[in-house]
N, C-alpha and C. Protein backbone atom coordinates (compact mmCIF):
# COMPACT_ATOMS: atom_id res chain seq x y z
N MET A 1 -3.49 14.68 -8.45
CA MET A 1 -2.58 14.00 -7.61
C MET A 1 -1.18 14.11 -8.37
N ARG A 2 -0.15 14.32 -7.62
CA ARG A 2 1.21 14.47 -8.22
C ARG A 2 2.06 13.26 -7.74
N VAL A 3 2.67 12.58 -8.72
CA VAL A 3 3.49 11.45 -8.40
C VAL A 3 4.81 11.37 -9.14
N VAL A 4 5.72 10.68 -8.61
CA VAL A 4 6.97 10.27 -9.26
C VAL A 4 7.06 8.86 -9.30
N ILE A 5 7.81 8.33 -10.32
CA ILE A 5 7.89 6.87 -10.54
C ILE A 5 9.40 6.48 -10.58
N ALA A 6 9.71 5.40 -9.81
CA ALA A 6 11.08 4.89 -9.90
C ALA A 6 11.08 3.43 -10.18
N ASP A 7 11.64 3.02 -11.33
CA ASP A 7 11.75 1.67 -11.76
C ASP A 7 12.95 1.53 -12.67
N ASP A 8 13.67 0.50 -12.50
CA ASP A 8 14.87 0.31 -13.45
C ASP A 8 14.46 -0.05 -14.85
N SER A 9 13.23 -0.44 -15.13
CA SER A 9 12.73 -0.75 -16.51
C SER A 9 12.25 0.53 -17.12
N GLY A 10 12.90 0.98 -18.10
CA GLY A 10 12.46 2.17 -18.81
C GLY A 10 11.08 1.98 -19.52
N LEU A 11 10.76 0.77 -20.01
CA LEU A 11 9.55 0.50 -20.56
C LEU A 11 8.38 0.61 -19.52
N LEU A 12 8.66 0.03 -18.37
CA LEU A 12 7.67 0.05 -17.35
C LEU A 12 7.39 1.57 -16.87
N ARG A 13 8.57 2.21 -16.63
CA ARG A 13 8.45 3.59 -16.16
C ARG A 13 7.56 4.40 -17.13
N GLN A 14 7.88 4.36 -18.37
CA GLN A 14 7.19 5.17 -19.31
C GLN A 14 5.78 4.77 -19.50
N GLY A 15 5.54 3.39 -19.44
CA GLY A 15 4.24 2.84 -19.59
C GLY A 15 3.36 3.25 -18.40
N LEU A 16 3.87 3.28 -17.24
CA LEU A 16 3.07 3.69 -16.15
C LEU A 16 2.78 5.18 -16.23
N ALA A 17 3.78 5.93 -16.60
CA ALA A 17 3.62 7.41 -16.70
C ALA A 17 2.52 7.74 -17.73
N ASN A 18 2.46 6.98 -18.83
CA ASN A 18 1.51 7.23 -19.92
C ASN A 18 0.11 6.96 -19.38
N LEU A 19 -0.04 5.71 -18.73
CA LEU A 19 -1.30 5.27 -18.22
C LEU A 19 -1.84 6.25 -17.17
N LEU A 20 -0.98 6.61 -16.27
CA LEU A 20 -1.48 7.56 -15.21
C LEU A 20 -1.73 8.92 -15.75
N GLY A 21 -0.91 9.39 -16.72
CA GLY A 21 -1.17 10.68 -17.29
C GLY A 21 -2.49 10.75 -18.00
N GLU A 22 -2.81 9.67 -18.77
CA GLU A 22 -4.11 9.59 -19.40
C GLU A 22 -5.26 9.58 -18.44
N ALA A 23 -5.03 9.15 -17.19
CA ALA A 23 -6.03 9.09 -16.19
C ALA A 23 -6.18 10.29 -15.37
N GLY A 24 -5.33 11.39 -15.70
CA GLY A 24 -5.38 12.67 -15.06
C GLY A 24 -4.39 12.79 -13.91
N VAL A 25 -3.52 11.80 -13.71
CA VAL A 25 -2.43 11.95 -12.62
C VAL A 25 -1.34 12.74 -13.19
N ASP A 26 -0.84 13.66 -12.38
CA ASP A 26 0.30 14.49 -12.89
C ASP A 26 1.62 13.81 -12.50
N VAL A 27 2.23 13.24 -13.47
CA VAL A 27 3.53 12.48 -13.29
C VAL A 27 4.67 13.54 -13.46
N LEU A 28 5.34 13.82 -12.30
CA LEU A 28 6.27 14.86 -12.20
C LEU A 28 7.63 14.44 -12.75
N ALA A 29 8.15 13.26 -12.54
CA ALA A 29 9.41 12.90 -12.90
C ALA A 29 9.62 11.45 -12.77
N LEU A 30 10.59 10.86 -13.55
CA LEU A 30 10.95 9.42 -13.56
C LEU A 30 12.27 9.21 -13.08
N ALA A 31 12.52 8.10 -12.46
CA ALA A 31 13.90 7.73 -11.96
C ALA A 31 14.21 6.31 -12.19
N GLU A 32 15.42 5.99 -12.53
CA GLU A 32 15.89 4.62 -12.94
C GLU A 32 16.60 3.89 -11.77
N ASP A 33 16.85 4.69 -10.68
CA ASP A 33 17.50 4.08 -9.60
C ASP A 33 17.20 4.78 -8.27
N ALA A 34 17.65 4.25 -7.11
CA ALA A 34 17.27 4.89 -5.84
C ALA A 34 17.92 6.25 -5.61
N ALA A 35 19.12 6.47 -6.10
CA ALA A 35 19.73 7.82 -5.94
C ALA A 35 18.91 8.83 -6.70
N ALA A 36 18.52 8.54 -7.90
CA ALA A 36 17.73 9.46 -8.66
C ALA A 36 16.37 9.69 -8.01
N LEU A 37 15.78 8.64 -7.48
CA LEU A 37 14.48 8.77 -6.70
C LEU A 37 14.59 9.83 -5.65
N LEU A 38 15.60 9.64 -4.75
CA LEU A 38 15.78 10.60 -3.67
C LEU A 38 15.92 12.08 -4.22
N THR A 39 16.58 12.26 -5.27
CA THR A 39 16.72 13.58 -5.87
C THR A 39 15.47 14.20 -6.40
N ILE A 40 14.72 13.38 -7.13
CA ILE A 40 13.41 13.97 -7.69
C ILE A 40 12.34 14.20 -6.64
N VAL A 41 12.38 13.40 -5.64
CA VAL A 41 11.43 13.68 -4.47
C VAL A 41 11.79 14.98 -3.82
N ASP A 42 13.07 15.19 -3.53
CA ASP A 42 13.50 16.41 -2.88
C ASP A 42 13.19 17.68 -3.79
N GLU A 43 13.30 17.40 -5.12
CA GLU A 43 13.10 18.51 -6.05
C GLU A 43 11.61 18.82 -6.30
N HIS A 44 10.78 17.77 -6.39
CA HIS A 44 9.44 17.99 -6.81
C HIS A 44 8.40 17.86 -5.81
N ARG A 45 8.73 17.30 -4.64
CA ARG A 45 7.76 17.16 -3.50
C ARG A 45 6.39 16.57 -3.97
N PRO A 46 6.45 15.40 -4.42
CA PRO A 46 5.11 14.77 -4.95
C PRO A 46 4.28 14.33 -3.82
N ASP A 47 2.99 13.97 -4.15
CA ASP A 47 2.10 13.38 -3.16
C ASP A 47 2.40 11.94 -2.87
N VAL A 48 2.79 11.19 -3.89
CA VAL A 48 3.10 9.78 -3.75
C VAL A 48 4.21 9.45 -4.66
N ALA A 49 5.10 8.58 -4.14
CA ALA A 49 6.19 8.04 -4.93
C ALA A 49 5.92 6.55 -5.18
N ILE A 50 5.94 6.14 -6.51
CA ILE A 50 5.76 4.79 -6.85
C ILE A 50 7.11 4.15 -7.04
N VAL A 51 7.48 3.13 -6.30
CA VAL A 51 8.82 2.68 -6.17
C VAL A 51 8.90 1.17 -6.39
N ASP A 52 9.82 0.77 -7.24
CA ASP A 52 10.09 -0.62 -7.43
C ASP A 52 11.13 -1.00 -6.33
N ILE A 53 11.02 -2.17 -5.67
CA ILE A 53 11.92 -2.58 -4.65
C ILE A 53 13.31 -2.89 -5.11
N ARG A 54 13.45 -3.54 -6.27
CA ARG A 54 14.78 -4.02 -6.72
C ARG A 54 15.22 -3.14 -7.90
N MET A 55 16.26 -2.35 -7.52
CA MET A 55 16.84 -1.40 -8.48
C MET A 55 18.36 -1.45 -8.47
N PRO A 56 19.04 -0.85 -9.46
CA PRO A 56 20.49 -0.82 -9.42
C PRO A 56 21.01 -0.19 -8.18
N PRO A 57 22.27 -0.61 -7.82
CA PRO A 57 23.23 -1.46 -8.52
C PRO A 57 23.10 -3.02 -8.24
N THR A 58 22.52 -3.34 -7.06
CA THR A 58 22.52 -4.77 -6.68
C THR A 58 21.27 -5.43 -7.01
N TYR A 59 20.18 -4.69 -7.28
CA TYR A 59 18.86 -5.34 -7.59
C TYR A 59 18.33 -6.12 -6.41
N THR A 60 18.59 -5.60 -5.20
CA THR A 60 18.02 -6.38 -4.00
C THR A 60 17.01 -5.46 -3.26
N HIS A 61 17.53 -4.58 -2.46
CA HIS A 61 16.52 -3.83 -1.63
C HIS A 61 16.67 -2.33 -1.77
N GLU A 62 17.30 -1.81 -2.84
CA GLU A 62 17.51 -0.44 -2.94
C GLU A 62 16.31 0.41 -2.87
N GLY A 63 15.27 -0.04 -3.62
CA GLY A 63 13.91 0.71 -3.56
C GLY A 63 13.35 0.78 -2.26
N ALA A 64 13.25 -0.26 -1.53
CA ALA A 64 12.69 -0.27 -0.22
C ALA A 64 13.47 0.52 0.77
N LYS A 65 14.82 0.49 0.71
CA LYS A 65 15.67 1.17 1.58
C LYS A 65 15.46 2.75 1.29
N ALA A 66 15.38 3.06 -0.01
CA ALA A 66 15.20 4.46 -0.36
C ALA A 66 13.78 4.96 0.09
N ALA A 67 12.75 4.10 0.02
CA ALA A 67 11.47 4.45 0.55
C ALA A 67 11.43 4.75 2.00
N LEU A 68 12.19 3.91 2.75
CA LEU A 68 12.28 4.13 4.23
C LEU A 68 12.96 5.50 4.54
N ALA A 69 14.01 5.73 3.76
CA ALA A 69 14.65 7.00 3.94
C ALA A 69 13.83 8.21 3.56
N LEU A 70 13.11 8.04 2.56
CA LEU A 70 12.13 9.13 2.09
C LEU A 70 11.09 9.41 3.08
N ARG A 71 10.48 8.34 3.72
CA ARG A 71 9.50 8.45 4.65
C ARG A 71 10.02 9.25 5.91
N GLN A 72 11.23 8.91 6.26
CA GLN A 72 11.81 9.62 7.42
C GLN A 72 12.15 11.08 7.16
N ALA A 73 12.48 11.40 5.83
CA ALA A 73 12.74 12.73 5.53
C ALA A 73 11.59 13.57 5.06
N HIS A 74 10.54 12.85 4.56
CA HIS A 74 9.30 13.49 4.14
C HIS A 74 8.12 12.74 4.70
N PRO A 75 7.79 12.93 5.95
CA PRO A 75 6.75 12.16 6.63
C PRO A 75 5.40 12.19 5.88
N GLY A 76 5.09 13.25 5.21
CA GLY A 76 3.78 13.27 4.55
C GLY A 76 3.77 12.65 3.24
N LEU A 77 4.90 12.15 2.69
CA LEU A 77 4.98 11.57 1.39
C LEU A 77 4.32 10.18 1.32
N GLY A 78 3.42 9.93 0.44
CA GLY A 78 2.84 8.66 0.18
C GLY A 78 3.77 7.72 -0.52
N ILE A 79 3.88 6.49 -0.09
CA ILE A 79 4.83 5.52 -0.72
C ILE A 79 4.06 4.36 -1.29
N LEU A 80 4.17 4.05 -2.53
CA LEU A 80 3.55 2.77 -3.06
C LEU A 80 4.67 1.95 -3.59
N LEU A 81 5.05 0.81 -2.91
CA LEU A 81 5.95 -0.10 -3.49
C LEU A 81 5.15 -0.97 -4.50
N LEU A 82 5.71 -1.01 -5.72
CA LEU A 82 5.14 -1.76 -6.79
C LEU A 82 6.19 -2.70 -7.36
N SER A 83 6.07 -3.95 -7.03
CA SER A 83 7.14 -4.88 -7.33
C SER A 83 6.73 -6.23 -7.81
N GLN A 84 7.66 -6.91 -8.52
CA GLN A 84 7.35 -8.29 -8.86
C GLN A 84 7.65 -9.27 -7.75
N SER A 85 8.42 -8.86 -6.76
CA SER A 85 8.90 -9.72 -5.74
C SER A 85 8.30 -9.41 -4.33
N LEU A 86 8.32 -10.47 -3.53
CA LEU A 86 7.96 -10.32 -2.14
C LEU A 86 9.27 -10.16 -1.29
N GLU A 87 9.29 -9.03 -0.60
CA GLU A 87 10.51 -8.76 0.19
C GLU A 87 10.06 -8.41 1.61
N SER A 88 10.93 -8.62 2.54
CA SER A 88 10.66 -8.19 3.93
C SER A 88 11.55 -7.16 4.48
N ARG A 89 12.78 -7.14 4.00
CA ARG A 89 13.81 -6.19 4.55
C ARG A 89 13.42 -4.78 4.22
N TYR A 90 13.43 -3.90 5.21
CA TYR A 90 12.96 -2.54 5.16
C TYR A 90 11.46 -2.37 5.09
N VAL A 91 10.83 -3.32 4.40
CA VAL A 91 9.40 -3.16 4.16
C VAL A 91 8.63 -3.35 5.46
N THR A 92 9.08 -4.28 6.29
CA THR A 92 8.34 -4.47 7.54
C THR A 92 8.40 -3.22 8.45
N ASP A 93 9.63 -2.57 8.43
CA ASP A 93 9.65 -1.23 9.22
C ASP A 93 8.68 -0.24 8.70
N LEU A 94 8.59 -0.11 7.34
CA LEU A 94 7.61 0.75 6.79
C LEU A 94 6.19 0.47 7.18
N ALA A 95 5.87 -0.83 7.05
CA ALA A 95 4.50 -1.24 7.34
C ALA A 95 4.14 -1.10 8.83
N ARG A 96 5.10 -1.34 9.71
CA ARG A 96 4.78 -1.24 11.17
C ARG A 96 4.82 0.17 11.67
N GLN A 97 5.94 0.90 11.31
CA GLN A 97 6.19 2.15 11.86
C GLN A 97 5.57 3.35 11.04
N HIS A 98 5.32 3.15 9.77
CA HIS A 98 4.96 4.27 8.88
C HIS A 98 3.76 3.81 7.97
N ALA A 99 2.75 3.22 8.61
CA ALA A 99 1.64 2.55 7.93
C ALA A 99 0.78 3.60 7.15
N ARG A 100 0.64 4.79 7.69
CA ARG A 100 -0.21 5.81 7.03
C ARG A 100 0.45 6.21 5.69
N GLY A 101 -0.40 6.22 4.68
CA GLY A 101 0.13 6.65 3.33
C GLY A 101 1.12 5.61 2.77
N PHE A 102 0.91 4.31 3.06
CA PHE A 102 1.86 3.27 2.52
C PHE A 102 1.12 2.18 1.86
N GLY A 103 1.73 1.71 0.75
CA GLY A 103 1.22 0.54 0.06
C GLY A 103 2.23 -0.26 -0.53
N TYR A 104 1.90 -1.58 -0.76
CA TYR A 104 2.80 -2.52 -1.39
C TYR A 104 1.89 -3.41 -2.25
N LEU A 105 2.02 -3.39 -3.46
CA LEU A 105 1.22 -4.22 -4.42
C LEU A 105 2.25 -4.97 -5.37
N LEU A 106 1.82 -6.17 -5.77
CA LEU A 106 2.58 -6.89 -6.65
C LEU A 106 2.16 -6.58 -8.04
N LYS A 107 3.14 -6.40 -8.94
CA LYS A 107 2.85 -5.98 -10.29
C LYS A 107 1.96 -6.89 -11.01
N ASP A 108 2.14 -8.20 -10.80
CA ASP A 108 1.35 -9.22 -11.49
C ASP A 108 -0.14 -9.12 -11.06
N ARG A 109 -0.46 -8.57 -9.89
CA ARG A 109 -1.79 -8.49 -9.43
C ARG A 109 -2.50 -7.23 -9.81
N VAL A 110 -1.68 -6.25 -10.40
CA VAL A 110 -2.31 -4.94 -10.74
C VAL A 110 -2.72 -5.21 -12.24
N THR A 111 -3.89 -5.75 -12.48
CA THR A 111 -4.27 -6.07 -13.85
C THR A 111 -5.09 -4.98 -14.53
N ASP A 112 -5.41 -3.91 -13.81
CA ASP A 112 -6.30 -2.84 -14.34
C ASP A 112 -5.69 -1.50 -13.79
N VAL A 113 -5.66 -0.51 -14.64
CA VAL A 113 -5.23 0.82 -14.10
C VAL A 113 -6.12 1.31 -12.97
N THR A 114 -7.31 0.87 -12.99
CA THR A 114 -8.30 1.33 -11.90
C THR A 114 -7.76 0.90 -10.49
N VAL A 115 -7.23 -0.33 -10.49
CA VAL A 115 -6.66 -0.86 -9.21
C VAL A 115 -5.57 0.11 -8.75
N LEU A 116 -4.63 0.51 -9.66
CA LEU A 116 -3.50 1.35 -9.30
C LEU A 116 -4.02 2.72 -8.92
N LEU A 117 -4.97 3.34 -9.63
CA LEU A 117 -5.53 4.59 -9.34
C LEU A 117 -6.20 4.64 -7.96
N ASP A 118 -6.99 3.54 -7.59
CA ASP A 118 -7.57 3.41 -6.29
C ASP A 118 -6.62 3.40 -5.18
N ALA A 119 -5.48 2.60 -5.47
CA ALA A 119 -4.48 2.51 -4.48
C ALA A 119 -3.80 3.85 -4.20
N LEU A 120 -3.41 4.55 -5.26
CA LEU A 120 -2.85 5.84 -5.19
C LEU A 120 -3.69 6.83 -4.43
N ALA A 121 -5.00 6.89 -4.73
CA ALA A 121 -5.86 7.77 -4.07
C ALA A 121 -5.95 7.43 -2.51
N SER A 122 -6.06 6.12 -2.21
CA SER A 122 -6.08 5.83 -0.83
C SER A 122 -4.81 6.20 -0.08
N ILE A 123 -3.70 5.94 -0.72
CA ILE A 123 -2.35 6.16 -0.09
C ILE A 123 -2.18 7.69 0.09
N ALA A 124 -2.56 8.53 -1.00
CA ALA A 124 -2.47 9.93 -0.94
C ALA A 124 -3.33 10.52 0.18
N ALA A 125 -4.41 9.85 0.58
CA ALA A 125 -5.32 10.34 1.61
C ALA A 125 -4.91 9.79 2.96
N GLY A 126 -3.75 8.98 3.05
CA GLY A 126 -3.21 8.54 4.27
C GLY A 126 -3.64 7.11 4.62
N GLY A 127 -4.17 6.38 3.61
CA GLY A 127 -4.58 4.98 3.84
C GLY A 127 -3.44 4.01 3.68
N THR A 128 -3.70 2.78 4.02
CA THR A 128 -2.71 1.67 3.80
C THR A 128 -3.26 0.71 2.87
N VAL A 129 -2.46 0.34 1.93
CA VAL A 129 -2.84 -0.65 0.90
C VAL A 129 -1.86 -1.77 0.81
N LEU A 130 -2.30 -2.94 1.14
CA LEU A 130 -1.32 -4.13 1.09
C LEU A 130 -2.00 -5.27 0.40
N ASP A 131 -1.36 -5.84 -0.59
CA ASP A 131 -1.76 -6.98 -1.19
C ASP A 131 -1.94 -8.16 -0.19
N PRO A 132 -2.89 -8.90 -0.23
CA PRO A 132 -3.00 -10.08 0.72
C PRO A 132 -1.81 -10.98 0.73
N GLU A 133 -1.18 -11.23 -0.45
CA GLU A 133 0.03 -11.99 -0.54
C GLU A 133 1.17 -11.41 0.18
N VAL A 134 1.23 -10.05 0.19
CA VAL A 134 2.33 -9.32 0.87
C VAL A 134 2.05 -9.48 2.42
N VAL A 135 0.86 -9.38 2.82
CA VAL A 135 0.59 -9.57 4.25
C VAL A 135 0.94 -10.94 4.71
N SER A 136 0.62 -11.89 3.91
CA SER A 136 1.02 -13.30 4.28
C SER A 136 2.47 -13.54 4.30
N HIS A 137 3.20 -12.83 3.47
CA HIS A 137 4.73 -12.97 3.43
C HIS A 137 5.29 -12.25 4.62
N LEU A 138 4.84 -11.08 4.93
CA LEU A 138 5.49 -10.30 5.98
C LEU A 138 5.18 -10.95 7.38
N LEU A 139 3.99 -11.51 7.53
CA LEU A 139 3.58 -12.01 8.81
C LEU A 139 3.93 -13.49 8.96
N GLY A 140 3.85 -14.27 7.82
CA GLY A 140 4.03 -15.69 7.91
C GLY A 140 2.67 -16.35 7.88
N ARG A 141 2.51 -17.28 7.00
CA ARG A 141 1.15 -17.83 6.76
C ARG A 141 0.56 -18.43 7.95
N ASN A 142 1.36 -19.16 8.74
CA ASN A 142 0.81 -19.83 9.94
C ASN A 142 0.32 -18.85 10.92
N GLU A 143 1.17 -17.79 11.19
CA GLU A 143 0.78 -16.73 12.14
C GLU A 143 -0.42 -15.94 11.70
N LEU A 144 -0.47 -15.72 10.38
CA LEU A 144 -1.57 -15.00 9.80
C LEU A 144 -2.92 -15.73 10.03
N ALA A 145 -2.76 -17.04 9.79
CA ALA A 145 -4.01 -17.84 9.94
C ALA A 145 -4.52 -17.82 11.35
N GLU A 146 -3.54 -17.88 12.33
CA GLU A 146 -3.97 -17.80 13.77
C GLU A 146 -4.62 -16.48 14.06
N GLN A 147 -4.02 -15.36 13.56
CA GLN A 147 -4.51 -14.07 13.81
C GLN A 147 -5.93 -13.92 13.27
N LEU A 148 -6.27 -14.53 12.12
CA LEU A 148 -7.56 -14.33 11.51
C LEU A 148 -8.62 -15.39 12.00
N GLU A 149 -8.23 -16.35 12.93
CA GLU A 149 -9.07 -17.43 13.21
C GLU A 149 -10.36 -16.92 13.85
N ARG A 150 -10.24 -15.77 14.58
CA ARG A 150 -11.41 -15.30 15.32
C ARG A 150 -12.49 -14.73 14.30
N LEU A 151 -12.14 -14.37 13.14
CA LEU A 151 -13.05 -13.77 12.16
C LEU A 151 -13.85 -14.77 11.46
N SER A 152 -15.10 -14.43 11.15
CA SER A 152 -15.87 -15.14 10.13
C SER A 152 -15.44 -15.03 8.84
N GLY A 153 -15.88 -15.78 7.87
CA GLY A 153 -15.55 -15.83 6.53
C GLY A 153 -15.90 -14.43 5.95
N ARG A 154 -17.04 -13.89 6.17
CA ARG A 154 -17.41 -12.65 5.71
C ARG A 154 -16.51 -11.52 6.18
N GLU A 155 -16.19 -11.56 7.47
CA GLU A 155 -15.32 -10.58 8.09
C GLU A 155 -13.92 -10.62 7.39
N ARG A 156 -13.46 -11.80 7.18
CA ARG A 156 -12.16 -11.97 6.46
C ARG A 156 -12.23 -11.30 5.05
N ASP A 157 -13.35 -11.52 4.40
CA ASP A 157 -13.51 -10.87 3.07
C ASP A 157 -13.45 -9.34 3.19
N VAL A 158 -14.17 -8.80 4.18
CA VAL A 158 -14.14 -7.39 4.40
C VAL A 158 -12.72 -6.84 4.69
N LEU A 159 -12.09 -7.61 5.63
CA LEU A 159 -10.70 -7.17 6.01
C LEU A 159 -9.69 -7.13 4.79
N GLU A 160 -9.86 -8.16 3.99
CA GLU A 160 -9.01 -8.25 2.78
C GLU A 160 -9.19 -7.12 1.85
N LEU A 161 -10.47 -6.70 1.67
CA LEU A 161 -10.78 -5.57 0.81
C LEU A 161 -10.30 -4.22 1.43
N MET A 162 -10.51 -4.15 2.73
CA MET A 162 -9.90 -2.95 3.42
C MET A 162 -8.47 -2.79 3.23
N ALA A 163 -7.73 -3.99 3.27
CA ALA A 163 -6.29 -3.93 3.13
C ALA A 163 -5.92 -3.54 1.74
N GLN A 164 -6.82 -3.71 0.80
CA GLN A 164 -6.57 -3.36 -0.63
C GLN A 164 -6.84 -1.82 -0.83
N GLY A 165 -7.25 -1.21 0.25
CA GLY A 165 -7.64 0.18 0.17
C GLY A 165 -8.98 0.62 -0.26
N LEU A 166 -9.93 -0.34 -0.21
CA LEU A 166 -11.26 0.03 -0.70
C LEU A 166 -12.02 0.74 0.40
N SER A 167 -12.82 1.72 0.04
CA SER A 167 -13.67 2.40 0.89
C SER A 167 -14.85 1.49 1.31
N ASN A 168 -15.64 2.00 2.36
CA ASN A 168 -16.79 1.17 2.80
C ASN A 168 -17.71 0.99 1.68
N ARG A 169 -17.99 2.11 0.86
CA ARG A 169 -18.92 1.93 -0.27
C ARG A 169 -18.38 0.93 -1.31
N ALA A 170 -17.01 0.95 -1.51
CA ALA A 170 -16.48 0.04 -2.51
C ALA A 170 -16.52 -1.42 -2.06
N VAL A 171 -16.30 -1.56 -0.81
CA VAL A 171 -16.46 -2.92 -0.15
C VAL A 171 -17.82 -3.41 -0.30
N ALA A 172 -18.79 -2.55 -0.02
CA ALA A 172 -20.19 -2.95 -0.13
C ALA A 172 -20.54 -3.35 -1.62
N ASP A 173 -20.08 -2.55 -2.48
CA ASP A 173 -20.42 -2.84 -3.91
C ASP A 173 -19.77 -4.20 -4.28
N ARG A 174 -18.52 -4.40 -3.86
CA ARG A 174 -17.79 -5.70 -4.24
C ARG A 174 -18.52 -6.83 -3.68
N LEU A 175 -18.92 -6.77 -2.50
CA LEU A 175 -19.53 -7.92 -1.79
C LEU A 175 -21.06 -7.93 -1.93
N VAL A 176 -21.63 -6.99 -2.65
CA VAL A 176 -23.09 -6.81 -2.93
C VAL A 176 -23.83 -6.89 -1.55
N ILE A 177 -23.44 -6.03 -0.69
CA ILE A 177 -24.13 -5.80 0.58
C ILE A 177 -24.22 -4.31 0.85
N ASP A 178 -24.97 -3.87 1.80
CA ASP A 178 -25.14 -2.44 2.03
C ASP A 178 -24.01 -1.86 2.92
N VAL A 179 -23.89 -0.57 2.92
CA VAL A 179 -22.76 0.03 3.64
C VAL A 179 -22.91 -0.10 5.14
N LYS A 180 -24.11 -0.13 5.65
CA LYS A 180 -24.39 -0.33 7.02
C LYS A 180 -23.82 -1.75 7.51
N THR A 181 -24.09 -2.70 6.65
CA THR A 181 -23.59 -4.00 6.90
C THR A 181 -22.03 -4.10 7.03
N VAL A 182 -21.44 -3.31 6.11
CA VAL A 182 -19.97 -3.23 6.04
C VAL A 182 -19.46 -2.57 7.33
N GLU A 183 -20.10 -1.50 7.75
CA GLU A 183 -19.69 -0.84 9.03
C GLU A 183 -19.87 -1.72 10.12
N THR A 184 -20.89 -2.63 10.22
CA THR A 184 -21.06 -3.62 11.24
C THR A 184 -19.91 -4.54 11.30
N HIS A 185 -19.57 -5.15 10.10
CA HIS A 185 -18.41 -6.01 9.97
C HIS A 185 -17.17 -5.43 10.50
N ILE A 186 -16.92 -4.24 10.08
CA ILE A 186 -15.65 -3.51 10.51
C ILE A 186 -15.62 -3.33 12.05
N ALA A 187 -16.73 -3.02 12.70
CA ALA A 187 -16.82 -2.94 14.12
C ALA A 187 -16.47 -4.24 14.79
N ARG A 188 -17.05 -5.31 14.17
CA ARG A 188 -16.81 -6.65 14.78
C ARG A 188 -15.28 -7.06 14.63
N ILE A 189 -14.74 -6.71 13.41
CA ILE A 189 -13.40 -7.03 13.11
C ILE A 189 -12.50 -6.38 14.19
N LEU A 190 -12.65 -5.09 14.39
CA LEU A 190 -11.84 -4.36 15.46
C LEU A 190 -11.98 -4.92 16.82
N THR A 191 -13.22 -5.33 17.14
CA THR A 191 -13.43 -5.91 18.43
C THR A 191 -12.74 -7.23 18.63
N LYS A 192 -12.89 -8.16 17.56
CA LYS A 192 -12.28 -9.50 17.62
C LYS A 192 -10.77 -9.42 17.56
N LEU A 193 -10.23 -8.40 16.95
CA LEU A 193 -8.78 -8.24 16.90
C LEU A 193 -8.17 -7.41 18.07
N ASP A 194 -9.10 -7.13 19.02
CA ASP A 194 -8.64 -6.29 20.18
C ASP A 194 -8.06 -4.96 19.85
N LEU A 195 -8.60 -4.35 18.87
CA LEU A 195 -8.23 -3.00 18.47
C LEU A 195 -9.10 -1.95 19.07
N HIS A 196 -8.52 -0.81 19.39
CA HIS A 196 -9.30 0.25 20.01
C HIS A 196 -9.00 1.54 19.24
N GLN A 197 -10.02 2.09 18.62
CA GLN A 197 -9.85 3.29 17.81
C GLN A 197 -9.57 4.45 18.72
N THR A 198 -8.81 5.34 18.23
CA THR A 198 -8.68 6.79 18.75
C THR A 198 -8.95 7.76 17.57
N PRO A 199 -9.17 9.01 17.95
CA PRO A 199 -9.46 9.93 16.86
C PRO A 199 -8.29 10.09 15.84
N ASP A 200 -7.15 9.76 16.26
CA ASP A 200 -5.96 9.89 15.34
C ASP A 200 -5.65 8.71 14.49
N GLU A 201 -6.39 7.67 14.57
CA GLU A 201 -6.04 6.41 13.92
C GLU A 201 -7.19 6.05 12.94
N HIS A 202 -6.75 5.64 11.76
CA HIS A 202 -7.68 5.32 10.67
C HIS A 202 -8.07 3.84 10.88
N ARG A 203 -9.33 3.52 10.58
CA ARG A 203 -9.80 2.11 10.72
C ARG A 203 -8.97 1.11 9.87
N ARG A 204 -8.74 1.46 8.74
CA ARG A 204 -8.02 0.57 7.78
C ARG A 204 -6.61 0.41 8.17
N VAL A 205 -5.95 1.43 8.74
CA VAL A 205 -4.50 1.30 9.24
C VAL A 205 -4.52 0.33 10.35
N LEU A 206 -5.47 0.54 11.26
CA LEU A 206 -5.60 -0.36 12.46
C LEU A 206 -5.72 -1.87 12.12
N ALA A 207 -6.67 -2.07 11.15
CA ALA A 207 -7.00 -3.38 10.73
C ALA A 207 -5.81 -4.04 10.05
N VAL A 208 -5.10 -3.36 9.17
CA VAL A 208 -3.92 -3.96 8.51
C VAL A 208 -2.79 -4.09 9.47
N LEU A 209 -2.64 -3.21 10.42
CA LEU A 209 -1.64 -3.35 11.42
C LEU A 209 -1.87 -4.59 12.28
N ALA A 210 -3.09 -4.93 12.48
CA ALA A 210 -3.44 -6.15 13.32
C ALA A 210 -2.86 -7.26 12.57
N TRP A 211 -2.92 -7.35 11.28
CA TRP A 211 -2.32 -8.44 10.52
C TRP A 211 -0.87 -8.53 10.69
N LEU A 212 -0.23 -7.32 10.85
CA LEU A 212 1.26 -7.30 10.93
C LEU A 212 1.72 -7.31 12.37
N ARG A 213 0.81 -7.33 13.31
CA ARG A 213 1.25 -7.29 14.70
C ARG A 213 1.86 -8.63 15.08
N GLY A 214 2.82 -8.59 15.87
CA GLY A 214 3.53 -9.83 16.27
C GLY A 214 4.64 -9.66 17.23
């Protein structure tokens, strides 16, 4: 997998590059701001761009704005927003309109490089990876609760793990159930959330978009 990393913290940029490199990920280039990010993506054409939301000069939404621009210019590019903050501006457009190959994780919740590697693999394959706290923030906790009311406790567990980008096998392993049971839960989730699959839509994208629907 080929990635670029954009973060204003040199320590974090290099630390991520080292960790990913040791795990076999090809880190093509690093950027300290949004302008540099746009340049290195145009130059290197990576599979996934790892982007901090808050970067110079204002440290508000530069990263998310650049990610939206990149998705429009490079539709096949995977985007992983990796941030310390919860933001909605530009992010909602990415999640709603460009859910394939998109992820948003909170730095504090990525406690193991395996979590990051799994997220990158899912995003590179066209999946959607959203931290549950991000979903709550984008949708609003009250509305989210109403949306999930129809689901059983186990179905909510499955949906949460799906939103984190886990495969059916990984969900089964995490919940200590078999894969057939996971598939049954997924089918019920899609039915209860009034989702209808088509050949062009991924189950996990549909499920996460249900959380963001409104």
